Amino acid sequence: MTVERGLRLMAGVMILLSLALTHYFSHYWLWLTAFIGLNLLQSAITNWCPAMMILRAMGLKDSN
């Protein structure tokens, strides 16, 4: 698995998890969904994402 695929997988899981937590526990979990969306937006603009550094440290390789 590459870093890019790992990042998409992690973002998708976190969004679905935050929506489930919102449904079953508290609407305040939507803040996590907003944070993930803002982080993805920031990453698209700056081409820098902390999660990508973590995934690389875990041994995932870049797609080039």
PDB file of N, CA and C in Angstrom:
ATOM      1  N   MET A   1       0.854  -1.175   0.000  1.00  0.00           N
ATOM      2  CA  MET A   1       0.000   0.000   0.000  1.00  0.00           C
ATOM      3  C   MET A   1       0.898   1.235   0.000  1.00  0.00           C
ATOM      4  N   THR A   2       0.491   2.229  -0.749  1.00  0.00           N
ATOM      5  CA  THR A   2       1.260   3.470  -0.829  1.00  0.00           C
ATOM      6  C   THR A   2       0.753   4.474   0.205  1.00  0.00           C
ATOM      7  N   VAL A   3       1.529   5.524   0.398  1.00  0.00           N
ATOM      8  CA  VAL A   3       1.154   6.585   1.340  1.00  0.00           C
ATOM      9  C   VAL A   3      -0.166   7.229   0.920  1.00  0.00           C
ATOM     10  N   GLU A   4      -0.334   7.475  -0.377  1.00  0.00           N
ATOM     11  CA  GLU A   4      -1.542   8.148  -0.853  1.00  0.00           C
ATOM     12  C   GLU A   4      -2.785   7.294  -0.595  1.00  0.00           C
ATOM     13  N   ARG A   5      -2.679   5.994  -0.865  1.00  0.00           N
ATOM     14  CA  ARG A   5      -3.818   5.097  -0.617  1.00  0.00           C
ATOM     15  C   ARG A   5      -4.089   4.968   0.877  1.00  0.00           C
ATOM     16  N   GLY A   6      -3.021   4.914   1.669  1.00  0.00           N
ATOM     17  CA  GLY A   6      -3.170   4.843   3.123  1.00  0.00           C
ATOM     18  C   GLY A   6      -3.842   6.085   3.683  1.00  0.00           C
ATOM     19  N   LEU A   7      -3.489   7.241   3.117  1.00  0.00           N
ATOM     20  CA  LEU A   7      -4.093   8.493   3.569  1.00  0.00           C
ATOM     21  C   LEU A   7      -5.584   8.529   3.247  1.00  0.00           C
ATOM     22  N   ARG A   8      -5.951   8.101   2.044  1.00  0.00           N
ATOM     23  CA  ARG A   8      -7.372   8.070   1.677  1.00  0.00           C
ATOM     24  C   ARG A   8      -8.135   7.083   2.547  1.00  0.00           C
ATOM     25  N   LEU A   9      -7.516   5.941   2.823  1.00  0.00           N
ATOM     26  CA  LEU A   9      -8.145   4.940   3.685  1.00  0.00           C
ATOM     27  C   LEU A   9      -8.344   5.491   5.092  1.00  0.00           C
ATOM     28  N   MET A  10      -7.312   6.121   5.636  1.00  0.00           N
ATOM     29  CA  MET A  10      -7.399   6.660   6.985  1.00  0.00           C
ATOM     30  C   MET A  10      -8.452   7.769   7.066  1.00  0.00           C
ATOM     31  N   ALA A  11      -8.493   8.665   6.095  1.00  0.00           N
ATOM     32  CA  ALA A  11      -9.471   9.750   6.100  1.00  0.00           C
ATOM     33  C   ALA A  11     -10.889   9.196   5.995  1.00  0.00           C
ATOM     34  N   GLY A  12     -11.103   8.234   5.121  1.00  0.00           N
ATOM     35  CA  GLY A  12     -12.430   7.644   4.976  1.00  0.00           C
ATOM     36  C   GLY A  12     -12.904   6.960   6.242  1.00  0.00           C
ATOM     37  N   VAL A  13     -12.015   6.190   6.861  1.00  0.00           N
ATOM     38  CA  VAL A  13     -12.377   5.507   8.109  1.00  0.00           C
ATOM     39  C   VAL A  13     -12.690   6.518   9.206  1.00  0.00           C
ATOM     40  N   MET A  14     -11.867   7.560   9.319  1.00  0.00           N
ATOM     41  CA  MET A  14     -12.094   8.563  10.372  1.00  0.00           C
ATOM     42  C   MET A  14     -13.404   9.319  10.154  1.00  0.00           C
ATOM     43  N   ILE A  15     -13.742   9.631   8.923  1.00  0.00           N
ATOM     44  CA  ILE A  15     -14.997  10.331   8.649  1.00  0.00           C
ATOM     45  C   ILE A  15     -16.186   9.436   8.985  1.00  0.00           C
ATOM     46  N   LEU A  16     -16.136   8.178   8.562  1.00  0.00           N
ATOM     47  CA  LEU A  16     -17.236   7.268   8.881  1.00  0.00           C
ATOM     48  C   LEU A  16     -17.337   7.034  10.382  1.00  0.00           C
ATOM     49  N   LEU A  17     -16.208   6.924  11.064  1.00  0.00           N
ATOM     50  CA  LEU A  17     -16.214   6.763  12.516  1.00  0.00           C
ATOM     51  C   LEU A  17     -16.824   7.980  13.206  1.00  0.00           C
ATOM     52  N   SER A  18     -16.442   9.172  12.773  1.00  0.00           N
ATOM     53  CA  SER A  18     -16.980  10.381  13.401  1.00  0.00           C
ATOM     54  C   SER A  18     -18.482  10.523  13.147  1.00  0.00           C
ATOM     55  N   LEU A  19     -18.937  10.113  11.971  1.00  0.00           N
ATOM     56  CA  LEU A  19     -20.377  10.151  11.703  1.00  0.00           C
ATOM     57  C   LEU A  19     -21.131   9.140  12.561  1.00  0.00           C
ATOM     58  N   ALA A  20     -20.540   7.960  12.762  1.00  0.00           N
ATOM     59  CA  ALA A  20     -21.178   6.966  13.637  1.00  0.00           C
ATOM     60  C   ALA A  20     -21.212   7.470  15.077  1.00  0.00           C
ATOM     61  N   LEU A  21     -20.124   8.073  15.534  1.00  0.00           N
ATOM     62  CA  LEU A  21     -20.103   8.624  16.889  1.00  0.00           C
ATOM     63  C   LEU A  21     -21.117   9.755  17.044  1.00  0.00           C
ATOM     64  N   THR A  22     -21.286  10.552  16.002  1.00  0.00           N
ATOM     65  CA  THR A  22     -22.288  11.614  16.023  1.00  0.00           C
ATOM     66  C   THR A  22     -23.686  11.024  16.135  1.00  0.00           C
ATOM     67  N   HIS A  23     -23.960  10.003  15.380  1.00  0.00           N
ATOM     68  CA  HIS A  23     -25.290   9.389  15.371  1.00  0.00           C
ATOM     69  C   HIS A  23     -25.621   8.747  16.718  1.00  0.00           C
ATOM     70  N   TYR A  24     -24.664   8.047  17.307  1.00  0.00           N
ATOM     71  CA  TYR A  24     -24.947   7.270  18.505  1.00  0.00           C
ATOM     72  C   TYR A  24     -24.671   8.001  19.815  1.00  0.00           C
ATOM     73  N   PHE A  25     -23.829   9.036  19.805  1.00  0.00           N
ATOM     74  CA  PHE A  25     -23.448   9.648  21.079  1.00  0.00           C
ATOM     75  C   PHE A  25     -23.744  11.136  21.172  1.00  0.00           C
ATOM     76  N   SER A  26     -23.092  11.954  20.347  1.00  0.00           N
ATOM     77  CA  SER A  26     -23.238  13.401  20.493  1.00  0.00           C
ATOM     78  C   SER A  26     -22.954  14.097  19.163  1.00  0.00           C
ATOM     79  N   HIS A  27     -23.695  15.161  18.911  1.00  0.00           N
ATOM     80  CA  HIS A  27     -23.469  15.914  17.672  1.00  0.00           C
ATOM     81  C   HIS A  27     -22.130  16.653  17.682  1.00  0.00           C
ATOM     82  N   TYR A  28     -21.482  16.734  18.837  1.00  0.00           N
ATOM     83  CA  TYR A  28     -20.184  17.398  18.913  1.00  0.00           C
ATOM     84  C   TYR A  28     -19.088  16.639  18.162  1.00  0.00           C
ATOM     85  N   TRP A  29     -19.318  15.362  17.864  1.00  0.00           N
ATOM     86  CA  TRP A  29     -18.352  14.601  17.076  1.00  0.00           C
ATOM     87  C   TRP A  29     -18.250  15.114  15.647  1.00  0.00           C
ATOM     88  N   LEU A  30     -19.216  15.939  15.210  1.00  0.00           N
ATOM     89  CA  LEU A  30     -19.106  16.530  13.875  1.00  0.00           C
ATOM     90  C   LEU A  30     -17.889  17.451  13.770  1.00  0.00           C
ATOM     91  N   TRP A  31     -17.394  17.935  14.915  1.00  0.00           N
ATOM     92  CA  TRP A  31     -16.174  18.740  14.891  1.00  0.00           C
ATOM     93  C   TRP A  31     -15.000  17.922  14.369  1.00  0.00           C
ATOM     94  N   LEU A  32     -14.960  16.635  14.672  1.00  0.00           N
ATOM     95  CA  LEU A  32     -13.910  15.772  14.135  1.00  0.00           C
ATOM     96  C   LEU A  32     -14.034  15.674  12.619  1.00  0.00           C
ATOM     97  N   THR A  33     -15.249  15.533  12.120  1.00  0.00           N
ATOM     98  CA  THR A  33     -15.469  15.489  10.670  1.00  0.00           C
ATOM     99  C   THR A  33     -14.997  16.789  10.025  1.00  0.00           C
ATOM    100  N   ALA A  34     -15.316  17.917  10.641  1.00  0.00           N
ATOM    101  CA  ALA A  34     -14.879  19.217  10.115  1.00  0.00           C
ATOM    102  C   ALA A  34     -13.358  19.336  10.141  1.00  0.00           C
ATOM    103  N   PHE A  35     -12.736  18.852  11.204  1.00  0.00           N
ATOM    104  CA  PHE A  35     -11.274  18.901  11.300  1.00  0.00           C
ATOM    105  C   PHE A  35     -10.630  18.085  10.184  1.00  0.00           C
ATOM    106  N   ILE A  36     -11.166  16.901   9.921  1.00  0.00           N
ATOM    107  CA  ILE A  36     -10.623  16.054   8.859  1.00  0.00           C
ATOM    108  C   ILE A  36     -10.772  16.751   7.505  1.00  0.00           C
ATOM    109  N   GLY A  37     -11.934  17.333   7.255  1.00  0.00           N
ATOM    110  CA  GLY A  37     -12.151  18.043   6.002  1.00  0.00           C
ATOM    111  C   GLY A  37     -11.209  19.231   5.840  1.00  0.00           C
ATOM    112  N   LEU A  38     -11.020  20.006   6.904  1.00  0.00           N
ATOM    113  CA  LEU A  38     -10.100  21.141   6.842  1.00  0.00           C
ATOM    114  C   LEU A  38      -8.661  20.689   6.644  1.00  0.00           C
ATOM    115  N   ASN A  39      -8.289  19.576   7.278  1.00  0.00           N
ATOM    116  CA  ASN A  39      -6.943  19.051   7.103  1.00  0.00           C
ATOM    117  C   ASN A  39      -6.720  18.611   5.658  1.00  0.00           C
ATOM    118  N   LEU A  40      -7.723  17.959   5.057  1.00  0.00           N
ATOM    119  CA  LEU A  40      -7.602  17.556   3.658  1.00  0.00           C
ATOM    120  C   LEU A  40      -7.518  18.773   2.737  1.00  0.00           C
ATOM    121  N   LEU A  41      -8.290  19.799   3.022  1.00  0.00           N
ATOM    122  CA  LEU A  41      -8.238  21.032   2.233  1.00  0.00           C
ATOM    123  C   LEU A  41      -6.864  21.694   2.347  1.00  0.00           C
ATOM    124  N   GLN A  42      -6.364  21.796   3.560  1.00  0.00           N
ATOM    125  CA  GLN A  42      -5.040  22.369   3.786  1.00  0.00           C
ATOM    126  C   GLN A  42      -3.979  21.568   3.073  1.00  0.00           C
ATOM    127  N   SER A  43      -4.095  20.249   3.106  1.00  0.00           N
ATOM    128  CA  SER A  43      -3.124  19.387   2.446  1.00  0.00           C
ATOM    129  C   SER A  43      -3.134  19.589   0.932  1.00  0.00           C
ATOM    130  N   ALA A  44      -4.304  19.776   0.356  1.00  0.00           N
ATOM    131  CA  ALA A  44      -4.405  19.999  -1.087  1.00  0.00           C
ATOM    132  C   ALA A  44      -3.769  21.320  -1.491  1.00  0.00           C
ATOM    133  N   ILE A  45      -3.868  22.317  -0.639  1.00  0.00           N
ATOM    134  CA  ILE A  45      -3.325  23.641  -0.960  1.00  0.00           C
ATOM    135  C   ILE A  45      -1.819  23.697  -0.734  1.00  0.00           C
ATOM    136  N   THR A  46      -1.344  23.158   0.397  1.00  0.00           N
ATOM    137  CA  THR A  46       0.066  23.292   0.765  1.00  0.00           C
ATOM    138  C   THR A  46       0.921  22.097   0.386  1.00  0.00           C
ATOM    139  N   ASN A  47       0.289  20.977   0.008  1.00  0.00           N
ATOM    140  CA  ASN A  47       0.992  19.734  -0.311  1.00  0.00           C
ATOM    141  C   ASN A  47       1.787  19.212   0.890  1.00  0.00           C
ATOM    142  N   TRP A  48       1.299  19.448   2.107  1.00  0.00           N
ATOM    143  CA  TRP A  48       1.930  18.960   3.327  1.00  0.00           C
ATOM    144  C   TRP A  48       0.843  18.423   4.239  1.00  0.00           C
ATOM    145  N   CYS A  49       1.034  17.228   4.758  1.00  0.00           N
ATOM    146  CA  CYS A  49       0.041  16.606   5.623  1.00  0.00           C
ATOM    147  C   CYS A  49       0.760  15.820   6.717  1.00  0.00           C
ATOM    148  N   PRO A  50       0.467  16.104   7.981  1.00  0.00           N
ATOM    149  CA  PRO A  50       1.117  15.363   9.072  1.00  0.00           C
ATOM    150  C   PRO A  50       0.847  13.861   9.012  1.00  0.00           C
ATOM    151  N   ALA A  51      -0.340  13.474   8.573  1.00  0.00           N
ATOM    152  CA  ALA A  51      -0.665  12.046   8.499  1.00  0.00           C
ATOM    153  C   ALA A  51       0.240  11.322   7.505  1.00  0.00           C
ATOM    154  N   MET A  52       0.651  11.984   6.448  1.00  0.00           N
ATOM    155  CA  MET A  52       1.549  11.363   5.465  1.00  0.00           C
ATOM    156  C   MET A  52       2.913  11.091   6.083  1.00  0.00           C
ATOM    157  N   MET A  53       3.377  11.973   6.953  1.00  0.00           N
ATOM    158  CA  MET A  53       4.649  11.739   7.634  1.00  0.00           C
ATOM    159  C   MET A  53       4.538  10.518   8.546  1.00  0.00           C
ATOM    160  N   ILE A  54       3.409  10.376   9.224  1.00  0.00           N
ATOM    161  CA  ILE A  54       3.191   9.226  10.102  1.00  0.00           C
ATOM    162  C   ILE A  54       3.150   7.940   9.289  1.00  0.00           C
ATOM    163  N   LEU A  55       2.444   7.956   8.164  1.00  0.00           N
ATOM    164  CA  LEU A  55       2.358   6.769   7.322  1.00  0.00           C
ATOM    165  C   LEU A  55       3.723   6.386   6.754  1.00  0.00           C
ATOM    166  N   ARG A  56       4.529   7.378   6.389  1.00  0.00           N
ATOM    167  CA  ARG A  56       5.890   7.077   5.903  1.00  0.00           C
ATOM    168  C   ARG A  56       6.731   6.474   7.023  1.00  0.00           C
ATOM    169  N   ALA A  57       6.583   6.991   8.241  1.00  0.00           N
ATOM    170  CA  ALA A  57       7.315   6.449   9.378  1.00  0.00           C
ATOM    171  C   ALA A  57       6.887   5.019   9.687  1.00  0.00           C
ATOM    172  N   MET A  58       5.657   4.666   9.340  1.00  0.00           N
ATOM    173  CA  MET A  58       5.151   3.298   9.529  1.00  0.00           C
ATOM    174  C   MET A  58       5.644   2.359   8.431  1.00  0.00           C
ATOM    175  N   GLY A  59       6.329   2.899   7.416  1.00  0.00           N
ATOM    176  CA  GLY A  59       6.929   2.054   6.389  1.00  0.00           C
ATOM    177  C   GLY A  59       6.232   2.073   5.044  1.00  0.00           C
ATOM    178  N   LEU A  60       5.182   2.848   4.871  1.00  0.00           N
ATOM    179  CA  LEU A  60       4.525   2.930   3.574  1.00  0.00           C
ATOM    180  C   LEU A  60       5.387   3.736   2.618  1.00  0.00           C
ATOM    181  N   LYS A  61       5.361   3.343   1.364  1.00  0.00           N
ATOM    182  CA  LYS A  61       6.210   3.991   0.349  1.00  0.00           C
ATOM    183  C   LYS A  61       5.387   4.956  -0.501  1.00  0.00           C
ATOM    184  N   ASP A  62       6.079   5.961  -1.051  1.00  0.00           N
ATOM    185  CA  ASP A  62       5.441   6.878  -1.982  1.00  0.00           C
ATOM    186  C   ASP A  62       5.167   6.156  -3.305  1.00  0.00           C
ATOM    187  N   SER A  63       4.243   6.686  -4.099  1.00  0.00           N
ATOM    188  CA  SER A  63       3.803   5.995  -5.308  1.00  0.00           C
ATOM    189  C   SER A  63       4.725   6.170  -6.518  1.00  0.00           C
ATOM    190  N   ASN A  64       5.772   6.963  -6.435  1.00  0.00           N
ATOM    191  CA  ASN A  64       6.617   7.176  -7.600  1.00  0.00           C
ATOM    192  C   ASN A  64       7.468   6.008  -7.802  1.00  0.00           C
TER     193      ASN A  64
END
